[in-house]
Amino acid sequence: VEYAPEKIAIDDLARQAKRAGVADSIHPDAGAGMPAGVAAGSPLDGSYRAAPASDQKKQIEGTPFERLKLDAAQATKVNAFVRQNPAKALEWLTPAQREQLKGAK
C-alpha cells in the first residue's frame, strides 16, 4: 500500500487501520518517521520484494473457493481468510457466488 500524506495524516491512518483490525504495525520507508503509539515493523529497504504473482493466492488452492470467478479484491480477501476463518471469506462473495459454493458441495 502506498501512503498519500496529502489525503490523511499518518497518525490518523495508523489509528484507523489498527481500529479496523487491518494493521498491527507499520513498515515505513527507510528514514520515515513513525506515529506515536504504533508498533514499528522493520523499515522497507532495497531488500524488500513482493511475492511473485504465482504465490499470491496459494491458500485458495484445494478449496471450493478456487472454482469461483473472483475479482482481484475478492481473491485477496478470500485468500487471507479461507483457511483460518472461512465464514469471513464468505463475506467477500456475492450472493450468487455463495449459492455456487452451496451447489459445489
PDB file of N, CA and C in Angstrom:
ATOM      1  N   VAL A   1       0.847  -1.173   0.000  1.00  0.00           N
ATOM      2  CA  VAL A   1       0.000   0.000   0.000  1.00  0.00           C
ATOM      3  C   VAL A   1       0.886   1.228   0.000  1.00  0.00           C
ATOM      4  N   GLU A   2       0.564   2.174  -0.829  1.00  0.00           N
ATOM      5  CA  GLU A   2       1.301   3.432  -0.823  1.00  0.00           C
ATOM      6  C   GLU A   2       0.541   4.444   0.007  1.00  0.00           C
ATOM      7  N   TYR A   3       1.256   5.158   0.826  1.00  0.00           N
ATOM      8  CA  TYR A   3       0.674   6.174   1.695  1.00  0.00           C
ATOM      9  C   TYR A   3       0.637   7.515   0.967  1.00  0.00           C
ATOM     10  N   ALA A   4      -0.499   8.204   1.021  1.00  0.00           N
ATOM     11  CA  ALA A   4      -0.674   9.517   0.392  1.00  0.00           C
ATOM     12  C   ALA A   4      -0.866  10.562   1.488  1.00  0.00           C
ATOM     13  N   PRO A   5       0.218  11.208   1.943  1.00  0.00           N
ATOM     14  CA  PRO A   5       0.120  12.145   3.065  1.00  0.00           C
ATOM     15  C   PRO A   5      -0.797  13.334   2.806  1.00  0.00           C
ATOM     16  N   GLU A   6      -1.051  13.648   1.547  1.00  0.00           N
ATOM     17  CA  GLU A   6      -1.944  14.774   1.254  1.00  0.00           C
ATOM     18  C   GLU A   6      -3.409  14.418   1.512  1.00  0.00           C
ATOM     19  N   LYS A   7      -3.706  13.129   1.669  1.00  0.00           N
ATOM     20  CA  LYS A   7      -5.088  12.690   1.899  1.00  0.00           C
ATOM     21  C   LYS A   7      -5.407  12.422   3.362  1.00  0.00           C
ATOM     22  N   ILE A   8      -4.422  11.933   4.123  1.00  0.00           N
ATOM     23  CA  ILE A   8      -4.656  11.608   5.531  1.00  0.00           C
ATOM     24  C   ILE A   8      -3.326  11.649   6.284  1.00  0.00           C
ATOM     25  N   ALA A   9      -3.374  12.156   7.495  1.00  0.00           N
ATOM     26  CA  ALA A   9      -2.165  12.201   8.327  1.00  0.00           C
ATOM     27  C   ALA A   9      -1.789  10.779   8.736  1.00  0.00           C
ATOM     28  N   ILE A  10      -0.495  10.502   8.832  1.00  0.00           N
ATOM     29  CA  ILE A  10      -0.031   9.155   9.171  1.00  0.00           C
ATOM     30  C   ILE A  10      -0.579   8.689  10.518  1.00  0.00           C
ATOM     31  N   ASP A  11      -0.685   9.600  11.491  1.00  0.00           N
ATOM     32  CA  ASP A  11      -1.244   9.227  12.798  1.00  0.00           C
ATOM     33  C   ASP A  11      -2.692   8.750  12.657  1.00  0.00           C
ATOM     34  N   ASP A  12      -3.485   9.477  11.856  1.00  0.00           N
ATOM     35  CA  ASP A  12      -4.889   9.101  11.649  1.00  0.00           C
ATOM     36  C   ASP A  12      -4.996   7.772  10.900  1.00  0.00           C
ATOM     37  N   LEU A  13      -4.165   7.603   9.894  1.00  0.00           N
ATOM     38  CA  LEU A  13      -4.171   6.363   9.129  1.00  0.00           C
ATOM     39  C   LEU A  13      -3.842   5.172  10.028  1.00  0.00           C
ATOM     40  N   ALA A  14      -2.808   5.319  10.836  1.00  0.00           N
ATOM     41  CA  ALA A  14      -2.399   4.232  11.731  1.00  0.00           C
ATOM     42  C   ALA A  14      -3.504   3.897  12.728  1.00  0.00           C
ATOM     43  N   ARG A  15      -4.124   4.919  13.297  1.00  0.00           N
ATOM     44  CA  ARG A  15      -5.208   4.699  14.263  1.00  0.00           C
ATOM     45  C   ARG A  15      -6.387   3.976  13.612  1.00  0.00           C
ATOM     46  N   GLN A  16      -6.779   4.445  12.428  1.00  0.00           N
ATOM     47  CA  GLN A  16      -7.925   3.839  11.743  1.00  0.00           C
ATOM     48  C   GLN A  16      -7.626   2.401  11.322  1.00  0.00           C
ATOM     49  N   ALA A  17      -6.419   2.153  10.859  1.00  0.00           N
ATOM     50  CA  ALA A  17      -6.042   0.801  10.439  1.00  0.00           C
ATOM     51  C   ALA A  17      -6.037  -0.148  11.628  1.00  0.00           C
ATOM     52  N   LYS A  18      -5.511   0.321  12.750  1.00  0.00           N
ATOM     53  CA  LYS A  18      -5.478  -0.519  13.953  1.00  0.00           C
ATOM     54  C   LYS A  18      -6.898  -0.795  14.447  1.00  0.00           C
ATOM     55  N   ARG A  19      -7.744   0.235  14.472  1.00  0.00           N
ATOM     56  CA  ARG A  19      -9.129   0.091  14.923  1.00  0.00           C
ATOM     57  C   ARG A  19      -9.893  -0.887  14.021  1.00  0.00           C
ATOM     58  N   ALA A  20      -9.610  -0.844  12.719  1.00  0.00           N
ATOM     59  CA  ALA A  20     -10.295  -1.727  11.772  1.00  0.00           C
ATOM     60  C   ALA A  20      -9.732  -3.149  11.794  1.00  0.00           C
ATOM     61  N   GLY A  21      -8.619  -3.328  12.503  1.00  0.00           N
ATOM     62  CA  GLY A  21      -8.022  -4.655  12.594  1.00  0.00           C
ATOM     63  C   GLY A  21      -7.264  -5.087  11.357  1.00  0.00           C
ATOM     64  N   VAL A  22      -6.811  -4.122  10.563  1.00  0.00           N
ATOM     65  CA  VAL A  22      -6.105  -4.465   9.331  1.00  0.00           C
ATOM     66  C   VAL A  22      -4.611  -4.185   9.382  1.00  0.00           C
ATOM     67  N   ALA A  23      -4.131  -3.625  10.486  1.00  0.00           N
ATOM     68  CA  ALA A  23      -2.694  -3.358  10.594  1.00  0.00           C
ATOM     69  C   ALA A  23      -2.289  -3.308  12.056  1.00  0.00           C
ATOM     70  N   ASP A  24      -1.337  -4.146  12.410  1.00  0.00           N
ATOM     71  CA  ASP A  24      -0.807  -4.132  13.768  1.00  0.00           C
ATOM     72  C   ASP A  24       0.479  -3.330  13.860  1.00  0.00           C
ATOM     73  N   SER A  25       1.130  -3.152  12.733  1.00  0.00           N
ATOM     74  CA  SER A  25       2.370  -2.382  12.713  1.00  0.00           C
ATOM     75  C   SER A  25       2.535  -1.728  11.354  1.00  0.00           C
ATOM     76  N   ILE A  26       3.435  -0.763  11.309  1.00  0.00           N
ATOM     77  CA  ILE A  26       3.723  -0.040  10.071  1.00  0.00           C
ATOM     78  C   ILE A  26       5.162  -0.336   9.682  1.00  0.00           C
ATOM     79  N   HIS A  27       5.364  -0.589   8.412  1.00  0.00           N
ATOM     80  CA  HIS A  27       6.710  -0.807   7.877  1.00  0.00           C
ATOM     81  C   HIS A  27       7.029   0.390   6.981  1.00  0.00           C
ATOM     82  N   PRO A  28       7.647   1.414   7.546  1.00  0.00           N
ATOM     83  CA  PRO A  28       7.879   2.649   6.784  1.00  0.00           C
ATOM     84  C   PRO A  28       9.032   2.510   5.800  1.00  0.00           C
ATOM     85  N   ASP A  29       9.062   3.433   4.848  1.00  0.00           N
ATOM     86  CA  ASP A  29      10.241   3.543   4.002  1.00  0.00           C
ATOM     87  C   ASP A  29      11.404   3.901   4.910  1.00  0.00           C
ATOM     88  N   ALA A  30      12.588   3.484   4.548  1.00  0.00           N
ATOM     89  CA  ALA A  30      13.769   3.792   5.352  1.00  0.00           C
ATOM     90  C   ALA A  30      13.864   5.299   5.560  1.00  0.00           C
ATOM     91  N   GLY A  31      14.070   5.720   6.793  1.00  0.00           N
ATOM     92  CA  GLY A  31      14.216   7.140   7.112  1.00  0.00           C
ATOM     93  C   GLY A  31      12.920   7.861   7.418  1.00  0.00           C
ATOM     94  N   ALA A  32      11.781   7.209   7.236  1.00  0.00           N
ATOM     95  CA  ALA A  32      10.491   7.861   7.501  1.00  0.00           C
ATOM     96  C   ALA A  32      10.207   7.855   9.001  1.00  0.00           C
ATOM     97  N   GLY A  33       9.489   8.865   9.466  1.00  0.00           N
ATOM     98  CA  GLY A  33       9.113   8.948  10.874  1.00  0.00           C
ATOM     99  C   GLY A  33       7.947   8.039  11.186  1.00  0.00           C
ATOM    100  N   MET A  34       7.798   7.717  12.459  1.00  0.00           N
ATOM    101  CA  MET A  34       6.717   6.841  12.904  1.00  0.00           C
ATOM    102  C   MET A  34       5.745   7.602  13.788  1.00  0.00           C
ATOM    103  N   PRO A  35       4.448   7.338  13.647  1.00  0.00           N
ATOM    104  CA  PRO A  35       3.466   7.961  14.533  1.00  0.00           C
ATOM    105  C   PRO A  35       3.573   7.386  15.943  1.00  0.00           C
ATOM    106  N   ALA A  36       3.198   8.172  16.909  1.00  0.00           N
ATOM    107  CA  ALA A  36       3.233   7.725  18.304  1.00  0.00           C
ATOM    108  C   ALA A  36       2.204   6.628  18.528  1.00  0.00           C
ATOM    109  N   GLY A  37       2.540   5.652  19.351  1.00  0.00           N
ATOM    110  CA  GLY A  37       1.594   4.611  19.729  1.00  0.00           C
ATOM    111  C   GLY A  37       1.361   3.536  18.698  1.00  0.00           C
ATOM    112  N   VAL A  38       2.194   3.479  17.669  1.00  0.00           N
ATOM    113  CA  VAL A  38       2.040   2.474  16.626  1.00  0.00           C
ATOM    114  C   VAL A  38       3.300   1.622  16.595  1.00  0.00           C
ATOM    115  N   ALA A  39       3.116   0.326  16.572  1.00  0.00           N
ATOM    116  CA  ALA A  39       4.268  -0.567  16.517  1.00  0.00           C
ATOM    117  C   ALA A  39       4.982  -0.399  15.186  1.00  0.00           C
ATOM    118  N   ALA A  40       6.296  -0.346  15.256  1.00  0.00           N
ATOM    119  CA  ALA A  40       7.090  -0.199  14.042  1.00  0.00           C
ATOM    120  C   ALA A  40       7.623  -1.550  13.615  1.00  0.00           C
ATOM    121  N   GLY A  41       7.311  -1.930  12.404  1.00  0.00           N
ATOM    122  CA  GLY A  41       7.923  -3.115  11.826  1.00  0.00           C
ATOM    123  C   GLY A  41       9.262  -2.696  11.245  1.00  0.00           C
ATOM    124  N   SER A  42       9.976  -3.634  10.700  1.00  0.00           N
ATOM    125  CA  SER A  42      11.263  -3.266  10.116  1.00  0.00           C
ATOM    126  C   SER A  42      11.027  -2.387   8.894  1.00  0.00           C
ATOM    127  N   PRO A  43      11.892  -1.385   8.694  1.00  0.00           N
ATOM    128  CA  PRO A  43      11.715  -0.495   7.543  1.00  0.00           C
ATOM    129  C   PRO A  43      11.886  -1.246   6.226  1.00  0.00           C
ATOM    130  N   LEU A  44      11.167  -0.808   5.225  1.00  0.00           N
ATOM    131  CA  LEU A  44      11.328  -1.383   3.895  1.00  0.00           C
ATOM    132  C   LEU A  44      12.530  -0.730   3.242  1.00  0.00           C
ATOM    133  N   ASP A  45      13.417  -1.542   2.749  1.00  0.00           N
ATOM    134  CA  ASP A  45      14.590  -1.008   2.068  1.00  0.00           C
ATOM    135  C   ASP A  45      14.768  -1.778   0.765  1.00  0.00           C
ATOM    136  N   GLY A  46      15.932  -1.710   0.197  1.00  0.00           N
ATOM    137  CA  GLY A  46      16.185  -2.361  -1.086  1.00  0.00           C
ATOM    138  C   GLY A  46      16.061  -3.869  -1.050  1.00  0.00           C
ATOM    139  N   SER A  47      16.076  -4.469   0.148  1.00  0.00           N
ATOM    140  CA  SER A  47      15.983  -5.928   0.237  1.00  0.00           C
ATOM    141  C   SER A  47      14.540  -6.429   0.142  1.00  0.00           C
ATOM    142  N   TYR A  48      13.563  -5.525   0.259  1.00  0.00           N
ATOM    143  CA  TYR A  48      12.155  -5.928   0.190  1.00  0.00           C
ATOM    144  C   TYR A  48      11.779  -6.231  -1.251  1.00  0.00           C
ATOM    145  N   ARG A  49      11.056  -7.321  -1.437  1.00  0.00           N
ATOM    146  CA  ARG A  49      10.492  -7.605  -2.760  1.00  0.00           C
ATOM    147  C   ARG A  49       9.141  -8.276  -2.569  1.00  0.00           C
ATOM    148  N   ALA A  50       8.219  -7.936  -3.411  1.00  0.00           N
ATOM    149  CA  ALA A  50       6.884  -8.534  -3.346  1.00  0.00           C
ATOM    150  C   ALA A  50       6.956  -9.983  -3.816  1.00  0.00           C
ATOM    151  N   ALA A  51       6.065 -10.797  -3.302  1.00  0.00           N
ATOM    152  CA  ALA A  51       5.998 -12.191  -3.746  1.00  0.00           C
ATOM    153  C   ALA A  51       5.543 -12.230  -5.198  1.00  0.00           C
ATOM    154  N   PRO A  52       5.994 -13.215  -5.953  1.00  0.00           N
ATOM    155  CA  PRO A  52       5.546 -13.322  -7.339  1.00  0.00           C
ATOM    156  C   PRO A  52       4.043 -13.589  -7.409  1.00  0.00           C
ATOM    157  N   ALA A  53       3.453 -13.234  -8.516  1.00  0.00           N
ATOM    158  CA  ALA A  53       2.006 -13.399  -8.692  1.00  0.00           C
ATOM    159  C   ALA A  53       1.580 -14.848  -8.461  1.00  0.00           C
ATOM    160  N   SER A  54       2.428 -15.795  -8.816  1.00  0.00           N
ATOM    161  CA  SER A  54       2.074 -17.208  -8.650  1.00  0.00           C
ATOM    162  C   SER A  54       1.926 -17.606  -7.185  1.00  0.00           C
ATOM    163  N   ASP A  55       2.479 -16.820  -6.273  1.00  0.00           N
ATOM    164  CA  ASP A  55       2.377 -17.102  -4.835  1.00  0.00           C
ATOM    165  C   ASP A  55       1.205 -16.397  -4.167  1.00  0.00           C
ATOM    166  N   GLN A  56       0.524 -15.540  -4.882  1.00  0.00           N
ATOM    167  CA  GLN A  56      -0.448 -14.650  -4.264  1.00  0.00           C
ATOM    168  C   GLN A  56      -1.706 -15.342  -3.747  1.00  0.00           C
ATOM    169  N   LYS A  57      -2.149 -16.395  -4.356  1.00  0.00           N
ATOM    170  CA  LYS A  57      -3.441 -16.988  -3.989  1.00  0.00           C
ATOM    171  C   LYS A  57      -3.305 -18.457  -3.601  1.00  0.00           C
ATOM    172  N   LYS A  58      -2.245 -18.810  -2.923  1.00  0.00           N
ATOM    173  CA  LYS A  58      -1.974 -20.205  -2.563  1.00  0.00           C
ATOM    174  C   LYS A  58      -2.998 -20.778  -1.595  1.00  0.00           C
ATOM    175  N   GLN A  59      -3.535 -19.981  -0.683  1.00  0.00           N
ATOM    176  CA  GLN A  59      -4.462 -20.510   0.319  1.00  0.00           C
ATOM    177  C   GLN A  59      -5.782 -20.970  -0.296  1.00  0.00           C
ATOM    178  N   ILE A  60      -6.162 -20.375  -1.412  1.00  0.00           N
ATOM    179  CA  ILE A  60      -7.423 -20.734  -2.075  1.00  0.00           C
ATOM    180  C   ILE A  60      -7.325 -22.113  -2.731  1.00  0.00           C
ATOM    181  N   GLU A  61      -6.120 -22.472  -3.186  1.00  0.00           N
ATOM    182  CA  GLU A  61      -5.943 -23.737  -3.900  1.00  0.00           C
ATOM    183  C   GLU A  61      -6.408 -24.916  -3.047  1.00  0.00           C
ATOM    184  N   GLY A  62      -7.141 -25.823  -3.687  1.00  0.00           N
ATOM    185  CA  GLY A  62      -7.610 -27.012  -2.988  1.00  0.00           C
ATOM    186  C   GLY A  62      -8.877 -26.807  -2.179  1.00  0.00           C
ATOM    187  N   THR A  63      -9.481 -25.629  -2.286  1.00  0.00           N
ATOM    188  CA  THR A  63     -10.731 -25.349  -1.585  1.00  0.00           C
ATOM    189  C   THR A  63     -11.838 -25.141  -2.616  1.00  0.00           C
ATOM    190  N   PRO A  64     -13.094 -25.225  -2.209  1.00  0.00           N
ATOM    191  CA  PRO A  64     -14.187 -24.952  -3.146  1.00  0.00           C
ATOM    192  C   PRO A  64     -14.123 -23.535  -3.736  1.00  0.00           C
ATOM    193  N   PHE A  65     -13.469 -22.615  -3.031  1.00  0.00           N
ATOM    194  CA  PHE A  65     -13.376 -21.232  -3.496  1.00  0.00           C
ATOM    195  C   PHE A  65     -12.586 -21.113  -4.796  1.00  0.00           C
ATOM    196  N   GLU A  66     -11.691 -22.052  -5.066  1.00  0.00           N
ATOM    197  CA  GLU A  66     -10.849 -21.929  -6.256  1.00  0.00           C
ATOM    198  C   GLU A  66     -11.658 -22.049  -7.548  1.00  0.00           C
ATOM    199  N   ARG A  67     -12.865 -22.602  -7.472  1.00  0.00           N
ATOM    200  CA  ARG A  67     -13.703 -22.736  -8.671  1.00  0.00           C
ATOM    201  C   ARG A  67     -14.461 -21.454  -9.018  1.00  0.00           C
ATOM    202  N   LEU A  68     -14.462 -20.497  -8.110  1.00  0.00           N
ATOM    203  CA  LEU A  68     -15.204 -19.255  -8.328  1.00  0.00           C
ATOM    204  C   LEU A  68     -14.411 -18.269  -9.169  1.00  0.00           C
ATOM    205  N   LYS A  69     -15.137 -17.450  -9.920  1.00  0.00           N
ATOM    206  CA  LYS A  69     -14.506 -16.316 -10.606  1.00  0.00           C
ATOM    207  C   LYS A  69     -14.511 -15.165  -9.619  1.00  0.00           C
ATOM    208  N   LEU A  70     -13.335 -14.832  -9.094  1.00  0.00           N
ATOM    209  CA  LEU A  70     -13.208 -13.761  -8.109  1.00  0.00           C
ATOM    210  C   LEU A  70     -12.498 -12.580  -8.737  1.00  0.00           C
ATOM    211  N   ASP A  71     -12.951 -11.368  -8.400  1.00  0.00           N
ATOM    212  CA  ASP A  71     -12.184 -10.209  -8.851  1.00  0.00           C
ATOM    213  C   ASP A  71     -10.937 -10.115  -7.969  1.00  0.00           C
ATOM    214  N   ALA A  72     -10.032  -9.206  -8.300  1.00  0.00           N
ATOM    215  CA  ALA A  72      -8.749  -9.124  -7.594  1.00  0.00           C
ATOM    216  C   ALA A  72      -8.928  -8.881  -6.098  1.00  0.00           C
ATOM    217  N   ALA A  73      -9.831  -7.987  -5.732  1.00  0.00           N
ATOM    218  CA  ALA A  73     -10.042  -7.682  -4.311  1.00  0.00           C
ATOM    219  C   ALA A  73     -10.622  -8.891  -3.582  1.00  0.00           C
ATOM    220  N   GLN A  74     -11.591  -9.548  -4.201  1.00  0.00           N
ATOM    221  CA  GLN A  74     -12.180 -10.738  -3.584  1.00  0.00           C
ATOM    222  C   GLN A  74     -11.123 -11.829  -3.398  1.00  0.00           C
ATOM    223  N   ALA A  75     -10.321 -12.048  -4.423  1.00  0.00           N
ATOM    224  CA  ALA A  75      -9.302 -13.094  -4.349  1.00  0.00           C
ATOM    225  C   ALA A  75      -8.325 -12.824  -3.217  1.00  0.00           C
ATOM    226  N   THR A  76      -7.932 -11.579  -3.056  1.00  0.00           N
ATOM    227  CA  THR A  76      -7.005 -11.223  -1.981  1.00  0.00           C
ATOM    228  C   THR A  76      -7.632 -11.484  -0.625  1.00  0.00           C
ATOM    229  N   LYS A  77      -8.855 -11.032  -0.425  1.00  0.00           N
ATOM    230  CA  LYS A  77      -9.515 -11.194   0.870  1.00  0.00           C
ATOM    231  C   LYS A  77      -9.862 -12.656   1.157  1.00  0.00           C
ATOM    232  N   VAL A  78     -10.403 -13.358   0.176  1.00  0.00           N
ATOM    233  CA  VAL A  78     -10.740 -14.764   0.376  1.00  0.00           C
ATOM    234  C   VAL A  78      -9.469 -15.551   0.687  1.00  0.00           C
ATOM    235  N   ASN A  79      -8.396 -15.282  -0.042  1.00  0.00           N
ATOM    236  CA  ASN A  79      -7.126 -15.956   0.207  1.00  0.00           C
ATOM    237  C   ASN A  79      -6.652 -15.732   1.639  1.00  0.00           C
ATOM    238  N   ALA A  80      -6.861 -14.532   2.150  1.00  0.00           N
ATOM    239  CA  ALA A  80      -6.410 -14.205   3.505  1.00  0.00           C
ATOM    240  C   ALA A  80      -7.187 -14.974   4.572  1.00  0.00           C
ATOM    241  N   PHE A  81      -8.459 -15.249   4.323  1.00  0.00           N
ATOM    242  CA  PHE A  81      -9.311 -15.825   5.365  1.00  0.00           C
ATOM    243  C   PHE A  81      -9.700 -17.286   5.170  1.00  0.00           C
ATOM    244  N   VAL A  82      -9.566 -17.824   3.979  1.00  0.00           N
ATOM    245  CA  VAL A  82     -10.170 -19.115   3.645  1.00  0.00           C
ATOM    246  C   VAL A  82      -9.748 -20.259   4.562  1.00  0.00           C
ATOM    247  N   ARG A  83      -8.530 -20.303   5.012  1.00  0.00           N
ATOM    248  CA  ARG A  83      -8.066 -21.437   5.831  1.00  0.00           C
ATOM    249  C   ARG A  83      -8.363 -21.253   7.320  1.00  0.00           C
ATOM    250  N   GLN A  84      -8.265 -20.036   7.814  1.00  0.00           N
ATOM    251  CA  GLN A  84      -8.428 -19.795   9.247  1.00  0.00           C
ATOM    252  C   GLN A  84      -9.831 -19.348   9.642  1.00  0.00           C
ATOM    253  N   ASN A  85     -10.527 -18.675   8.723  1.00  0.00           N
ATOM    254  CA  ASN A  85     -11.844 -18.128   9.054  1.00  0.00           C
ATOM    255  C   ASN A  85     -12.728 -18.146   7.801  1.00  0.00           C
ATOM    256  N   PRO A  86     -13.172 -19.329   7.370  1.00  0.00           N
ATOM    257  CA  PRO A  86     -13.966 -19.428   6.148  1.00  0.00           C
ATOM    258  C   PRO A  86     -15.227 -18.567   6.155  1.00  0.00           C
ATOM    259  N   ALA A  87     -15.838 -18.374   7.322  1.00  0.00           N
ATOM    260  CA  ALA A  87     -17.036 -17.524   7.386  1.00  0.00           C
ATOM    261  C   ALA A  87     -16.694 -16.098   6.971  1.00  0.00           C
ATOM    262  N   LYS A  88     -15.529 -15.628   7.375  1.00  0.00           N
ATOM    263  CA  LYS A  88     -15.090 -14.280   6.987  1.00  0.00           C
ATOM    264  C   LYS A  88     -14.820 -14.242   5.482  1.00  0.00           C
ATOM    265  N   ALA A  89     -14.272 -15.309   4.931  1.00  0.00           N
ATOM    266  CA  ALA A  89     -14.040 -15.376   3.485  1.00  0.00           C
ATOM    267  C   ALA A  89     -15.363 -15.274   2.728  1.00  0.00           C
ATOM    268  N   LEU A  90     -16.401 -15.930   3.253  1.00  0.00           N
ATOM    269  CA  LEU A  90     -17.713 -15.889   2.599  1.00  0.00           C
ATOM    270  C   LEU A  90     -18.286 -14.480   2.524  1.00  0.00           C
ATOM    271  N   GLU A  91     -17.932 -13.628   3.481  1.00  0.00           N
ATOM    272  CA  GLU A  91     -18.444 -12.251   3.494  1.00  0.00           C
ATOM    273  C   GLU A  91     -18.029 -11.471   2.251  1.00  0.00           C
ATOM    274  N   TRP A  92     -16.959 -11.897   1.588  1.00  0.00           N
ATOM    275  CA  TRP A  92     -16.444 -11.175   0.423  1.00  0.00           C
ATOM    276  C   TRP A  92     -17.065 -11.658  -0.886  1.00  0.00           C
ATOM    277  N   LEU A  93     -17.939 -12.657  -0.814  1.00  0.00           N
ATOM    278  CA  LEU A  93     -18.571 -13.193  -2.014  1.00  0.00           C
ATOM    279  C   LEU A  93     -19.924 -12.548  -2.261  1.00  0.00           C
ATOM    280  N   THR A  94     -20.324 -12.543  -3.516  1.00  0.00           N
ATOM    281  CA  THR A  94     -21.662 -12.084  -3.869  1.00  0.00           C
ATOM    282  C   THR A  94     -22.652 -13.193  -3.497  1.00  0.00           C
ATOM    283  N   PRO A  95     -23.940 -12.864  -3.394  1.00  0.00           N
ATOM    284  CA  PRO A  95     -24.931 -13.921  -3.129  1.00  0.00           C
ATOM    285  C   PRO A  95     -24.870 -15.048  -4.167  1.00  0.00           C
ATOM    286  N   ALA A  96     -24.673 -14.692  -5.429  1.00  0.00           N
ATOM    287  CA  ALA A  96     -24.596 -15.720  -6.475  1.00  0.00           C
ATOM    288  C   ALA A  96     -23.385 -16.632  -6.268  1.00  0.00           C
ATOM    289  N   GLN A  97     -22.270 -16.065  -5.858  1.00  0.00           N
ATOM    290  CA  GLN A  97     -21.080 -16.881  -5.600  1.00  0.00           C
ATOM    291  C   GLN A  97     -21.297 -17.808  -4.403  1.00  0.00           C
ATOM    292  N   ARG A  98     -21.985 -17.314  -3.378  1.00  0.00           N
ATOM    293  CA  ARG A  98     -22.285 -18.166  -2.217  1.00  0.00           C
ATOM    294  C   ARG A  98     -23.166 -19.346  -2.633  1.00  0.00           C
ATOM    295  N   GLU A  99     -24.151 -19.073  -3.484  1.00  0.00           N
ATOM    296  CA  GLU A  99     -25.021 -20.142  -3.990  1.00  0.00           C
ATOM    297  C   GLU A  99     -24.217 -21.149  -4.803  1.00  0.00           C
ATOM    298  N   GLN A 100     -23.283 -20.642  -5.584  1.00  0.00           N
ATOM    299  CA  GLN A 100     -22.429 -21.516  -6.387  1.00  0.00           C
ATOM    300  C   GLN A 100     -21.627 -22.459  -5.477  1.00  0.00           C
ATOM    301  N   LEU A 101     -21.150 -21.950  -4.353  1.00  0.00           N
ATOM    302  CA  LEU A 101     -20.417 -22.790  -3.396  1.00  0.00           C
ATOM    303  C   LEU A 101     -21.324 -23.860  -2.798  1.00  0.00           C
ATOM    304  N   LYS A 102     -22.562 -23.484  -2.469  1.00  0.00           N
ATOM    305  CA  LYS A 102     -23.507 -24.457  -1.901  1.00  0.00           C
ATOM    306  C   LYS A 102     -23.758 -25.594  -2.884  1.00  0.00           C
ATOM    307  N   GLY A 103     -23.862 -25.254  -4.156  1.00  0.00           N
ATOM    308  CA  GLY A 103     -24.102 -26.256  -5.189  1.00  0.00           C
ATOM    309  C   GLY A 103     -22.912 -27.167  -5.427  1.00  0.00           C
ATOM    310  N   ALA A 104     -21.720 -26.713  -5.057  1.00  0.00           N
ATOM    311  CA  ALA A 104     -20.500 -27.496  -5.287  1.00  0.00           C
ATOM    312  C   ALA A 104     -20.290 -28.565  -4.229  1.00  0.00           C
ATOM    313  N   LYS A 105     -21.033 -28.504  -3.126  1.00  0.00           N
ATOM    314  CA  LYS A 105     -20.817 -29.456  -2.021  1.00  0.00           C
ATOM    315  C   LYS A 105     -21.428 -30.800  -2.304  1.00  0.00           C
TER     316      LYS A 105
END
